[in-house]
N, C-alpha and C. Protein backbone atom coordinates (compact mmCIF):
# COMPACT_ATOMS: atom_id res chain seq x y z
N UNK A 1 -53.16 34.13 -7.62
CA UNK A 1 -51.72 34.29 -7.59
C UNK A 1 -51.02 33.09 -6.98
N UNK A 2 -51.78 32.14 -6.46
CA UNK A 2 -51.18 30.96 -5.85
C UNK A 2 -50.23 30.25 -6.80
N UNK A 3 -50.59 30.15 -8.07
CA UNK A 3 -49.74 29.49 -9.06
C UNK A 3 -48.41 30.22 -9.17
N UNK A 4 -48.45 31.53 -9.21
CA UNK A 4 -47.22 32.31 -9.35
C UNK A 4 -46.35 32.22 -8.11
N UNK A 5 -46.96 32.22 -6.95
CA UNK A 5 -46.19 32.04 -5.71
C UNK A 5 -45.51 30.68 -5.71
N UNK A 6 -46.24 29.68 -6.17
CA UNK A 6 -45.68 28.33 -6.24
C UNK A 6 -44.56 28.27 -7.29
N UNK A 7 -44.75 28.96 -8.42
CA UNK A 7 -43.71 29.00 -9.45
C UNK A 7 -42.42 29.62 -8.90
N UNK A 8 -42.56 30.71 -8.16
CA UNK A 8 -41.38 31.36 -7.60
C UNK A 8 -40.71 30.45 -6.57
N UNK A 9 -41.49 29.80 -5.72
CA UNK A 9 -40.94 28.86 -4.74
C UNK A 9 -40.26 27.69 -5.45
N UNK A 10 -40.85 27.24 -6.55
CA UNK A 10 -40.25 26.15 -7.33
C UNK A 10 -38.90 26.57 -7.90
N UNK A 11 -38.82 27.76 -8.47
CA UNK A 11 -37.53 28.23 -9.01
C UNK A 11 -36.50 28.39 -7.90
N UNK A 12 -36.94 28.88 -6.74
CA UNK A 12 -36.02 29.04 -5.61
C UNK A 12 -35.49 27.68 -5.14
N UNK A 13 -36.31 26.66 -5.21
CA UNK A 13 -35.89 25.31 -4.81
C UNK A 13 -35.06 24.63 -5.89
N UNK A 14 -35.35 24.91 -7.15
CA UNK A 14 -34.72 24.21 -8.26
C UNK A 14 -33.38 24.79 -8.69
N UNK A 15 -33.25 26.09 -8.63
CA UNK A 15 -32.04 26.74 -9.14
C UNK A 15 -30.76 26.25 -8.44
N UNK A 16 -30.74 26.09 -7.12
CA UNK A 16 -29.51 25.61 -6.47
C UNK A 16 -29.10 24.19 -6.88
N UNK A 17 -30.06 23.37 -7.33
CA UNK A 17 -29.74 21.98 -7.70
C UNK A 17 -29.79 21.76 -9.21
N UNK A 18 -29.92 22.83 -9.98
CA UNK A 18 -30.07 22.69 -11.43
C UNK A 18 -28.86 22.01 -12.07
N UNK A 19 -27.67 22.40 -11.70
CA UNK A 19 -26.47 21.77 -12.26
C UNK A 19 -26.43 20.28 -11.90
N UNK A 20 -26.71 19.97 -10.65
CA UNK A 20 -26.75 18.58 -10.20
C UNK A 20 -27.78 17.79 -11.02
N UNK A 21 -28.94 18.41 -11.25
CA UNK A 21 -29.99 17.77 -12.05
C UNK A 21 -29.51 17.50 -13.48
N UNK A 22 -28.90 18.49 -14.10
CA UNK A 22 -28.45 18.33 -15.48
C UNK A 22 -27.42 17.21 -15.62
N UNK A 23 -26.61 17.02 -14.61
CA UNK A 23 -25.57 16.00 -14.65
C UNK A 23 -26.07 14.62 -14.23
N UNK A 24 -27.29 14.56 -13.72
CA UNK A 24 -27.85 13.28 -13.27
C UNK A 24 -28.53 12.56 -14.44
N UNK A 25 -28.89 11.31 -14.19
CA UNK A 25 -29.65 10.52 -15.17
C UNK A 25 -31.15 10.58 -14.91
N UNK A 26 -31.55 11.34 -13.91
CA UNK A 26 -32.95 11.41 -13.50
C UNK A 26 -33.67 12.47 -14.33
N UNK A 27 -34.84 12.12 -14.87
CA UNK A 27 -35.62 13.09 -15.64
C UNK A 27 -36.52 13.92 -14.73
N UNK A 28 -37.18 13.29 -13.76
CA UNK A 28 -38.04 13.99 -12.80
C UNK A 28 -37.33 14.03 -11.46
N UNK A 29 -36.72 15.15 -11.15
CA UNK A 29 -35.85 15.32 -10.00
C UNK A 29 -36.64 15.93 -8.85
N UNK A 30 -36.77 15.25 -7.72
CA UNK A 30 -37.58 15.80 -6.61
C UNK A 30 -36.93 17.05 -6.00
N UNK A 31 -37.76 18.05 -5.74
CA UNK A 31 -37.29 19.27 -5.08
C UNK A 31 -38.25 19.61 -3.94
N UNK A 32 -37.70 20.27 -2.94
CA UNK A 32 -38.48 20.73 -1.78
C UNK A 32 -38.27 22.22 -1.64
N UNK A 33 -39.32 22.92 -1.29
CA UNK A 33 -39.25 24.36 -1.11
C UNK A 33 -38.31 24.74 0.01
N UNK A 34 -37.95 26.02 0.06
CA UNK A 34 -37.08 26.52 1.12
C UNK A 34 -37.69 26.26 2.48
N UNK A 35 -36.85 25.93 3.43
CA UNK A 35 -37.26 25.65 4.81
C UNK A 35 -38.30 24.52 4.86
N UNK A 36 -38.18 23.57 3.92
CA UNK A 36 -39.08 22.43 3.91
C UNK A 36 -40.48 22.72 3.40
N UNK A 37 -40.69 23.91 2.84
CA UNK A 37 -42.02 24.27 2.33
C UNK A 37 -42.45 23.27 1.27
N UNK A 38 -43.68 22.79 1.40
CA UNK A 38 -44.22 21.83 0.45
C UNK A 38 -44.64 22.54 -0.82
N UNK A 39 -44.12 22.10 -1.95
CA UNK A 39 -44.54 22.63 -3.24
C UNK A 39 -45.78 21.87 -3.67
N UNK A 40 -46.50 22.43 -4.64
CA UNK A 40 -47.75 21.77 -5.04
C UNK A 40 -47.88 21.71 -6.55
N UNK A 41 -48.89 20.99 -6.99
CA UNK A 41 -49.21 20.92 -8.41
C UNK A 41 -48.13 20.24 -9.21
N UNK A 42 -47.81 20.86 -10.34
CA UNK A 42 -46.85 20.27 -11.27
C UNK A 42 -45.42 20.67 -10.97
N UNK A 43 -45.18 21.29 -9.83
CA UNK A 43 -43.83 21.79 -9.54
C UNK A 43 -43.17 21.08 -8.36
N UNK A 44 -43.48 19.83 -8.15
CA UNK A 44 -42.81 19.08 -7.09
C UNK A 44 -41.58 18.36 -7.62
N UNK A 45 -41.42 18.36 -8.93
CA UNK A 45 -40.28 17.69 -9.56
C UNK A 45 -39.64 18.64 -10.56
N UNK A 46 -38.32 18.72 -10.49
CA UNK A 46 -37.58 19.54 -11.43
C UNK A 46 -37.45 18.80 -12.75
N UNK A 47 -37.95 19.41 -13.78
CA UNK A 47 -37.65 19.04 -15.17
C UNK A 47 -37.42 20.37 -15.88
N UNK A 48 -36.78 20.33 -17.02
CA UNK A 48 -36.60 21.58 -17.74
C UNK A 48 -37.94 22.13 -18.23
N UNK A 49 -38.88 21.24 -18.54
CA UNK A 49 -40.21 21.69 -18.93
C UNK A 49 -40.89 22.46 -17.82
N UNK A 50 -40.84 21.93 -16.60
CA UNK A 50 -41.43 22.64 -15.46
C UNK A 50 -40.71 23.96 -15.20
N UNK A 51 -39.39 23.94 -15.34
CA UNK A 51 -38.60 25.14 -15.14
C UNK A 51 -38.97 26.21 -16.17
N UNK A 52 -39.05 25.81 -17.45
CA UNK A 52 -39.41 26.76 -18.50
C UNK A 52 -40.82 27.30 -18.32
N UNK A 53 -41.74 26.44 -17.91
CA UNK A 53 -43.12 26.88 -17.70
C UNK A 53 -43.20 27.88 -16.55
N UNK A 54 -42.54 27.59 -15.45
CA UNK A 54 -42.55 28.53 -14.32
C UNK A 54 -41.94 29.86 -14.72
N UNK A 55 -40.82 29.83 -15.43
CA UNK A 55 -40.20 31.08 -15.89
C UNK A 55 -41.13 31.86 -16.80
N UNK A 56 -41.79 31.16 -17.70
CA UNK A 56 -42.69 31.82 -18.65
C UNK A 56 -43.88 32.45 -17.94
N UNK A 57 -44.48 31.73 -17.01
CA UNK A 57 -45.62 32.28 -16.29
C UNK A 57 -45.20 33.49 -15.46
N UNK A 58 -44.06 33.38 -14.78
CA UNK A 58 -43.60 34.50 -13.95
C UNK A 58 -43.24 35.72 -14.80
N UNK A 59 -42.64 35.49 -15.95
CA UNK A 59 -42.28 36.62 -16.81
C UNK A 59 -43.50 37.25 -17.46
N UNK A 60 -44.62 36.54 -17.47
CA UNK A 60 -45.86 37.04 -18.07
C UNK A 60 -46.69 37.85 -17.09
N UNK A 61 -46.46 37.69 -15.82
CA UNK A 61 -47.30 38.30 -14.79
C UNK A 61 -46.68 39.58 -14.25
N UNK A 62 -47.51 40.35 -13.60
CA UNK A 62 -47.04 41.54 -12.89
C UNK A 62 -46.67 41.11 -11.48
N UNK A 63 -45.41 41.26 -11.15
CA UNK A 63 -44.91 40.82 -9.85
C UNK A 63 -44.64 42.01 -8.94
N UNK A 64 -44.72 41.78 -7.65
CA UNK A 64 -44.32 42.79 -6.66
C UNK A 64 -42.81 43.03 -6.79
N UNK A 65 -42.34 44.15 -6.32
CA UNK A 65 -40.93 44.51 -6.47
C UNK A 65 -39.98 43.46 -5.91
N UNK A 66 -40.28 42.93 -4.72
CA UNK A 66 -39.41 41.92 -4.12
C UNK A 66 -39.43 40.63 -4.94
N UNK A 67 -40.60 40.27 -5.48
CA UNK A 67 -40.69 39.08 -6.33
C UNK A 67 -39.94 39.29 -7.64
N UNK A 68 -40.03 40.48 -8.19
CA UNK A 68 -39.31 40.82 -9.42
C UNK A 68 -37.81 40.67 -9.23
N UNK A 69 -37.32 41.18 -8.11
CA UNK A 69 -35.90 41.11 -7.80
C UNK A 69 -35.45 39.66 -7.64
N UNK A 70 -36.22 38.89 -6.90
CA UNK A 70 -35.89 37.48 -6.70
C UNK A 70 -35.92 36.72 -8.02
N UNK A 71 -36.94 36.97 -8.82
CA UNK A 71 -37.08 36.31 -10.11
C UNK A 71 -35.92 36.67 -11.03
N UNK A 72 -35.51 37.92 -11.03
CA UNK A 72 -34.39 38.36 -11.85
C UNK A 72 -33.09 37.65 -11.44
N UNK A 73 -32.85 37.55 -10.13
CA UNK A 73 -31.66 36.84 -9.63
C UNK A 73 -31.69 35.37 -10.03
N UNK A 74 -32.85 34.74 -9.90
CA UNK A 74 -32.98 33.33 -10.27
C UNK A 74 -32.74 33.13 -11.77
N UNK A 75 -33.28 34.01 -12.57
CA UNK A 75 -33.07 33.92 -14.02
C UNK A 75 -31.59 34.02 -14.37
N UNK A 76 -30.91 34.93 -13.72
CA UNK A 76 -29.47 35.10 -13.96
C UNK A 76 -28.72 33.81 -13.61
N UNK A 77 -29.05 33.21 -12.49
CA UNK A 77 -28.40 31.96 -12.07
C UNK A 77 -28.71 30.82 -13.04
N UNK A 78 -29.97 30.73 -13.47
CA UNK A 78 -30.35 29.68 -14.43
C UNK A 78 -29.60 29.87 -15.74
N UNK A 79 -29.51 31.10 -16.20
CA UNK A 79 -28.80 31.38 -17.45
C UNK A 79 -27.32 31.02 -17.34
N UNK A 80 -26.72 31.22 -16.17
CA UNK A 80 -25.31 30.84 -15.97
C UNK A 80 -25.13 29.33 -16.06
N UNK A 81 -26.04 28.58 -15.43
CA UNK A 81 -25.96 27.12 -15.50
C UNK A 81 -26.17 26.66 -16.93
N UNK A 82 -27.13 27.27 -17.62
CA UNK A 82 -27.38 26.93 -19.02
C UNK A 82 -26.13 27.16 -19.86
N UNK A 83 -25.48 28.30 -19.68
CA UNK A 83 -24.28 28.62 -20.46
C UNK A 83 -23.16 27.61 -20.22
N UNK A 84 -23.05 27.16 -18.98
CA UNK A 84 -21.99 26.21 -18.62
C UNK A 84 -22.32 24.79 -19.08
N UNK A 85 -23.57 24.41 -19.06
CA UNK A 85 -23.97 23.03 -19.32
C UNK A 85 -24.97 22.92 -20.48
N UNK A 86 -24.74 23.68 -21.53
CA UNK A 86 -25.66 23.71 -22.67
C UNK A 86 -25.91 22.33 -23.29
N UNK A 87 -24.87 21.54 -23.43
CA UNK A 87 -25.05 20.21 -24.05
C UNK A 87 -25.89 19.30 -23.14
N UNK A 88 -25.67 19.35 -21.85
CA UNK A 88 -26.49 18.55 -20.92
C UNK A 88 -27.93 19.05 -20.91
N UNK A 89 -28.11 20.35 -21.04
CA UNK A 89 -29.45 20.95 -21.13
C UNK A 89 -30.18 20.35 -22.33
N UNK A 90 -29.50 20.29 -23.47
CA UNK A 90 -30.11 19.74 -24.68
C UNK A 90 -30.43 18.25 -24.54
N UNK A 91 -29.56 17.53 -23.85
CA UNK A 91 -29.84 16.10 -23.61
C UNK A 91 -31.12 15.95 -22.80
N UNK A 92 -31.27 16.74 -21.75
CA UNK A 92 -32.49 16.67 -20.91
C UNK A 92 -33.72 17.05 -21.72
N UNK A 93 -33.62 18.06 -22.56
CA UNK A 93 -34.75 18.48 -23.40
C UNK A 93 -35.17 17.30 -24.29
N UNK A 94 -34.19 16.67 -24.91
CA UNK A 94 -34.49 15.57 -25.83
C UNK A 94 -35.01 14.33 -25.10
N UNK A 95 -34.71 14.18 -23.82
CA UNK A 95 -35.29 13.10 -23.02
C UNK A 95 -36.72 13.44 -22.61
N UNK A 96 -36.96 14.70 -22.32
CA UNK A 96 -38.27 15.09 -21.80
C UNK A 96 -39.34 15.16 -22.88
N UNK A 97 -39.00 15.57 -24.07
CA UNK A 97 -40.00 15.72 -25.13
C UNK A 97 -40.80 14.44 -25.36
N UNK A 98 -40.17 13.28 -25.58
CA UNK A 98 -40.97 12.07 -25.80
C UNK A 98 -41.84 11.70 -24.59
N UNK A 99 -41.33 11.96 -23.39
CA UNK A 99 -42.08 11.67 -22.18
C UNK A 99 -43.32 12.55 -22.09
N UNK A 100 -43.17 13.84 -22.31
CA UNK A 100 -44.31 14.77 -22.27
C UNK A 100 -45.30 14.48 -23.40
N UNK A 101 -44.77 14.09 -24.56
CA UNK A 101 -45.65 13.73 -25.67
C UNK A 101 -46.53 12.54 -25.31
N UNK A 102 -45.94 11.54 -24.67
CA UNK A 102 -46.71 10.37 -24.26
C UNK A 102 -47.80 10.76 -23.27
N UNK A 103 -47.46 11.60 -22.30
CA UNK A 103 -48.45 12.05 -21.32
C UNK A 103 -49.58 12.82 -21.98
N UNK A 104 -49.26 13.70 -22.92
CA UNK A 104 -50.26 14.50 -23.63
C UNK A 104 -51.14 13.60 -24.51
N UNK A 105 -50.49 12.67 -25.18
CA UNK A 105 -51.24 11.72 -26.04
C UNK A 105 -52.20 10.89 -25.18
N UNK A 106 -51.72 10.42 -24.04
CA UNK A 106 -52.58 9.63 -23.15
C UNK A 106 -53.75 10.45 -22.64
N UNK A 107 -53.50 11.70 -22.28
CA UNK A 107 -54.58 12.57 -21.81
C UNK A 107 -55.64 12.75 -22.90
N UNK A 108 -55.19 13.08 -24.10
CA UNK A 108 -56.15 13.27 -25.20
C UNK A 108 -56.85 11.97 -25.56
N UNK A 109 -56.14 10.85 -25.43
CA UNK A 109 -56.73 9.55 -25.73
C UNK A 109 -57.83 9.15 -24.78
N UNK A 110 -57.82 9.72 -23.56
CA UNK A 110 -58.86 9.39 -22.59
C UNK A 110 -60.20 10.05 -22.93
N UNK A 111 -60.16 11.02 -23.81
CA UNK A 111 -61.41 11.65 -24.23
C UNK A 111 -62.10 10.72 -25.22
N UNK A 112 -63.27 10.30 -24.90
CA UNK A 112 -63.99 9.49 -25.87
C UNK A 112 -64.70 10.42 -26.83
N UNK A 113 -65.06 9.90 -27.96
CA UNK A 113 -65.68 10.73 -29.00
C UNK A 113 -66.94 11.38 -28.45
N UNK A 114 -67.36 12.25 -28.12
CA UNK A 114 -68.62 12.76 -27.63
C UNK A 114 -68.65 12.94 -26.12
N UNK A 115 -67.68 12.45 -25.39
CA UNK A 115 -67.69 12.61 -23.93
C UNK A 115 -67.02 13.92 -23.55
N UNK A 116 -67.67 14.64 -22.70
CA UNK A 116 -67.10 15.91 -22.22
C UNK A 116 -66.47 15.74 -20.83
N UNK A 117 -66.40 14.51 -20.35
CA UNK A 117 -65.95 14.26 -18.97
C UNK A 117 -64.55 14.79 -18.69
N UNK A 118 -63.64 14.68 -19.65
CA UNK A 118 -62.25 15.07 -19.41
C UNK A 118 -62.00 16.56 -19.65
N UNK A 119 -62.97 17.27 -20.22
CA UNK A 119 -62.72 18.66 -20.54
C UNK A 119 -62.64 19.54 -19.30
N UNK A 120 -63.20 19.11 -18.20
CA UNK A 120 -63.15 19.91 -16.98
C UNK A 120 -61.75 20.09 -16.44
N UNK A 121 -60.87 19.14 -16.68
CA UNK A 121 -59.50 19.27 -16.18
C UNK A 121 -58.54 19.76 -17.28
N UNK A 122 -59.10 20.20 -18.38
CA UNK A 122 -58.28 20.71 -19.49
C UNK A 122 -57.38 21.89 -19.06
N UNK A 123 -57.89 22.90 -18.34
CA UNK A 123 -57.00 24.01 -17.96
C UNK A 123 -55.75 23.58 -17.20
N UNK A 124 -55.84 22.50 -16.44
CA UNK A 124 -54.65 21.99 -15.75
C UNK A 124 -53.78 21.19 -16.72
N UNK A 125 -54.38 20.25 -17.43
CA UNK A 125 -53.60 19.34 -18.27
C UNK A 125 -53.02 19.98 -19.52
N UNK A 126 -53.58 21.10 -19.97
CA UNK A 126 -53.02 21.76 -21.15
C UNK A 126 -51.61 22.26 -20.88
N UNK A 127 -51.20 22.30 -19.61
CA UNK A 127 -49.82 22.67 -19.30
C UNK A 127 -48.84 21.74 -20.00
N UNK A 128 -49.25 20.46 -20.22
CA UNK A 128 -48.39 19.52 -20.94
C UNK A 128 -48.11 20.03 -22.36
N UNK A 129 -49.14 20.55 -23.01
CA UNK A 129 -48.98 21.07 -24.38
C UNK A 129 -48.14 22.34 -24.37
N UNK A 130 -48.34 23.18 -23.36
CA UNK A 130 -47.53 24.40 -23.23
C UNK A 130 -46.06 24.02 -23.02
N UNK A 131 -45.82 23.06 -22.15
CA UNK A 131 -44.45 22.61 -21.90
C UNK A 131 -43.82 22.09 -23.19
N UNK A 132 -44.57 21.33 -23.97
CA UNK A 132 -44.04 20.83 -25.24
C UNK A 132 -43.65 21.99 -26.16
N UNK A 133 -44.48 23.01 -26.22
CA UNK A 133 -44.16 24.18 -27.05
C UNK A 133 -42.85 24.82 -26.58
N UNK A 134 -42.69 24.95 -25.28
CA UNK A 134 -41.49 25.56 -24.72
C UNK A 134 -40.25 24.68 -24.93
N UNK A 135 -40.41 23.38 -24.78
CA UNK A 135 -39.29 22.46 -24.98
C UNK A 135 -38.83 22.45 -26.43
N UNK A 136 -39.77 22.36 -27.37
CA UNK A 136 -39.39 22.37 -28.79
C UNK A 136 -38.68 23.67 -29.15
N UNK A 137 -39.08 24.78 -28.55
CA UNK A 137 -38.44 26.07 -28.83
C UNK A 137 -37.01 26.12 -28.30
N UNK A 138 -36.67 25.26 -27.35
CA UNK A 138 -35.35 25.25 -26.72
C UNK A 138 -34.32 24.42 -27.48
N UNK A 139 -34.76 23.58 -28.40
CA UNK A 139 -33.82 22.66 -29.04
C UNK A 139 -33.74 22.92 -30.53
N UNK A 140 -32.57 22.66 -31.08
CA UNK A 140 -32.41 22.74 -32.53
C UNK A 140 -32.37 21.35 -33.15
N UNK A 141 -32.61 20.32 -32.33
CA UNK A 141 -32.66 18.96 -32.85
C UNK A 141 -33.88 18.81 -33.76
N UNK A 142 -33.77 17.99 -34.77
CA UNK A 142 -34.86 17.83 -35.74
C UNK A 142 -36.11 17.20 -35.13
N UNK A 143 -35.96 16.09 -34.43
CA UNK A 143 -37.07 15.43 -33.76
C UNK A 143 -38.29 15.29 -34.68
N UNK A 144 -38.07 14.78 -35.88
CA UNK A 144 -39.11 14.70 -36.90
C UNK A 144 -40.29 13.86 -36.44
N UNK A 145 -40.03 12.71 -35.87
CA UNK A 145 -41.11 11.83 -35.38
C UNK A 145 -41.95 12.54 -34.32
N UNK A 146 -41.28 13.15 -33.38
CA UNK A 146 -41.96 13.81 -32.28
C UNK A 146 -42.81 14.98 -32.78
N UNK A 147 -42.26 15.76 -33.71
CA UNK A 147 -43.02 16.88 -34.27
C UNK A 147 -44.22 16.38 -35.07
N UNK A 148 -44.05 15.27 -35.75
CA UNK A 148 -45.16 14.68 -36.51
C UNK A 148 -46.27 14.22 -35.58
N UNK A 149 -45.90 13.57 -34.48
CA UNK A 149 -46.90 13.13 -33.51
C UNK A 149 -47.61 14.32 -32.90
N UNK A 150 -46.87 15.35 -32.54
CA UNK A 150 -47.49 16.54 -31.96
C UNK A 150 -48.47 17.17 -32.94
N UNK A 151 -48.09 17.23 -34.20
CA UNK A 151 -48.99 17.79 -35.22
C UNK A 151 -50.30 17.00 -35.29
N UNK A 152 -50.20 15.67 -35.27
CA UNK A 152 -51.42 14.86 -35.34
C UNK A 152 -52.27 15.02 -34.08
N UNK A 153 -51.63 15.16 -32.92
CA UNK A 153 -52.37 15.39 -31.68
C UNK A 153 -53.05 16.77 -31.72
N UNK A 154 -52.36 17.76 -32.29
CA UNK A 154 -52.95 19.09 -32.43
C UNK A 154 -54.18 19.05 -33.32
N UNK A 155 -54.11 18.29 -34.39
CA UNK A 155 -55.27 18.17 -35.29
C UNK A 155 -56.45 17.54 -34.55
N UNK A 156 -56.17 16.53 -33.76
CA UNK A 156 -57.22 15.89 -32.98
C UNK A 156 -57.85 16.88 -31.99
N UNK A 157 -56.99 17.66 -31.33
CA UNK A 157 -57.47 18.64 -30.36
C UNK A 157 -58.32 19.72 -31.03
N UNK A 158 -57.87 20.20 -32.17
CA UNK A 158 -58.63 21.22 -32.89
C UNK A 158 -60.01 20.71 -33.28
N UNK A 159 -60.11 19.42 -33.56
CA UNK A 159 -61.40 18.83 -33.92
C UNK A 159 -62.35 18.71 -32.76
N UNK A 160 -61.84 18.78 -31.55
CA UNK A 160 -62.68 18.63 -30.36
C UNK A 160 -63.17 19.96 -29.80
N UNK A 161 -62.47 21.05 -30.12
CA UNK A 161 -62.82 22.33 -29.52
C UNK A 161 -63.02 23.41 -30.54
N UNK A 162 -63.30 24.58 -30.03
CA UNK A 162 -63.45 25.76 -30.87
C UNK A 162 -62.80 26.93 -30.14
N UNK A 163 -62.45 27.99 -30.87
CA UNK A 163 -61.82 29.13 -30.21
C UNK A 163 -62.68 29.66 -29.06
N UNK A 164 -62.01 30.02 -28.00
CA UNK A 164 -62.71 30.51 -26.82
C UNK A 164 -61.81 31.43 -26.00
N UNK A 165 -62.21 31.73 -24.78
CA UNK A 165 -61.41 32.60 -23.92
C UNK A 165 -60.17 31.87 -23.38
N UNK A 166 -59.21 32.64 -22.94
CA UNK A 166 -57.98 32.13 -22.34
C UNK A 166 -58.35 31.26 -21.14
N UNK A 167 -57.79 30.05 -21.06
CA UNK A 167 -58.21 29.09 -20.03
C UNK A 167 -57.48 29.25 -18.69
N UNK A 168 -56.39 30.01 -18.68
CA UNK A 168 -55.67 30.25 -17.45
C UNK A 168 -56.02 31.63 -16.90
N UNK A 169 -55.42 32.00 -15.79
CA UNK A 169 -55.65 33.30 -15.18
C UNK A 169 -55.32 34.42 -16.17
N UNK A 170 -56.20 35.39 -16.25
CA UNK A 170 -56.05 36.51 -17.18
C UNK A 170 -54.73 37.27 -17.01
N UNK A 171 -54.14 37.22 -15.82
CA UNK A 171 -52.88 37.94 -15.59
C UNK A 171 -51.73 37.37 -16.43
N UNK A 172 -51.92 36.19 -17.01
CA UNK A 172 -50.86 35.54 -17.79
C UNK A 172 -51.03 35.71 -19.30
N UNK A 173 -52.14 36.27 -19.73
CA UNK A 173 -52.49 36.29 -21.15
C UNK A 173 -51.42 36.96 -22.02
N UNK A 174 -50.75 37.99 -21.52
CA UNK A 174 -49.76 38.70 -22.34
C UNK A 174 -48.57 37.82 -22.72
N UNK A 175 -48.25 36.84 -21.92
CA UNK A 175 -47.11 35.97 -22.20
C UNK A 175 -47.43 34.77 -23.05
N UNK A 176 -48.72 34.57 -23.31
CA UNK A 176 -49.15 33.40 -24.07
C UNK A 176 -50.09 33.83 -25.20
N UNK A 177 -49.53 34.46 -26.25
CA UNK A 177 -50.37 34.96 -27.34
C UNK A 177 -51.10 33.83 -28.07
N UNK A 178 -52.29 34.14 -28.54
CA UNK A 178 -53.16 33.15 -29.17
C UNK A 178 -52.58 32.56 -30.44
N UNK A 179 -51.76 33.30 -31.18
CA UNK A 179 -51.21 32.75 -32.42
C UNK A 179 -50.21 31.62 -32.16
N UNK A 180 -49.50 31.68 -31.07
CA UNK A 180 -48.52 30.64 -30.75
C UNK A 180 -49.07 29.60 -29.76
N UNK A 181 -49.89 30.05 -28.82
CA UNK A 181 -50.43 29.18 -27.78
C UNK A 181 -51.94 29.02 -27.96
N UNK A 182 -52.36 28.71 -29.17
CA UNK A 182 -53.77 28.61 -29.53
C UNK A 182 -54.53 27.63 -28.64
N UNK A 183 -53.85 26.61 -28.13
CA UNK A 183 -54.49 25.58 -27.31
C UNK A 183 -54.89 26.10 -25.93
N UNK A 184 -54.42 27.30 -25.56
CA UNK A 184 -54.86 27.94 -24.33
C UNK A 184 -56.12 28.78 -24.55
N UNK A 185 -56.60 28.80 -25.78
CA UNK A 185 -57.78 29.59 -26.15
C UNK A 185 -58.84 28.70 -26.78
N UNK A 186 -59.07 27.55 -26.18
CA UNK A 186 -60.08 26.62 -26.68
C UNK A 186 -61.19 26.44 -25.66
N UNK A 187 -62.38 26.17 -26.17
CA UNK A 187 -63.48 25.76 -25.30
C UNK A 187 -64.11 24.52 -25.89
N UNK A 188 -64.72 23.72 -25.04
CA UNK A 188 -65.27 22.44 -25.47
C UNK A 188 -66.73 22.33 -25.12
């Protein structure tokens, strides 16, 4: 549950500065947990991809009543900022997609043909692919080049693995169905 606790702390730190972030030119916006709490993993910087991923993981899990209440309040606040700053939200999405694509491409490129060395960190790094799925779902922009690159990277990934068990904590499986998030169900 450490990931979910961190996701909730990340949303609590990010929501008050979300409007400021959307209006800034910064793509990776530093955030600190409440009362100076150190955040960890991929949630030390506010991006819409990190925000969407944290929301998705939290909405997929079974939360305690107090966490549910806090998460519901945070979602309401995020939705209000989104409604007010929809165009800036879309600008950030369109800035983040090429950046995340480059990171995902670089990660996959580090795998040599036959080397299994990079597969051990796949459960962590596949978050980049999940974020891309969430970002593309948020925009109505065509992004033909980006979608083409993602398709070719997906083909490369499919060639390296085979269907397998869910790579993240089982408590999240309901929010990440295999038909849409097939890359979370690969083994190498």
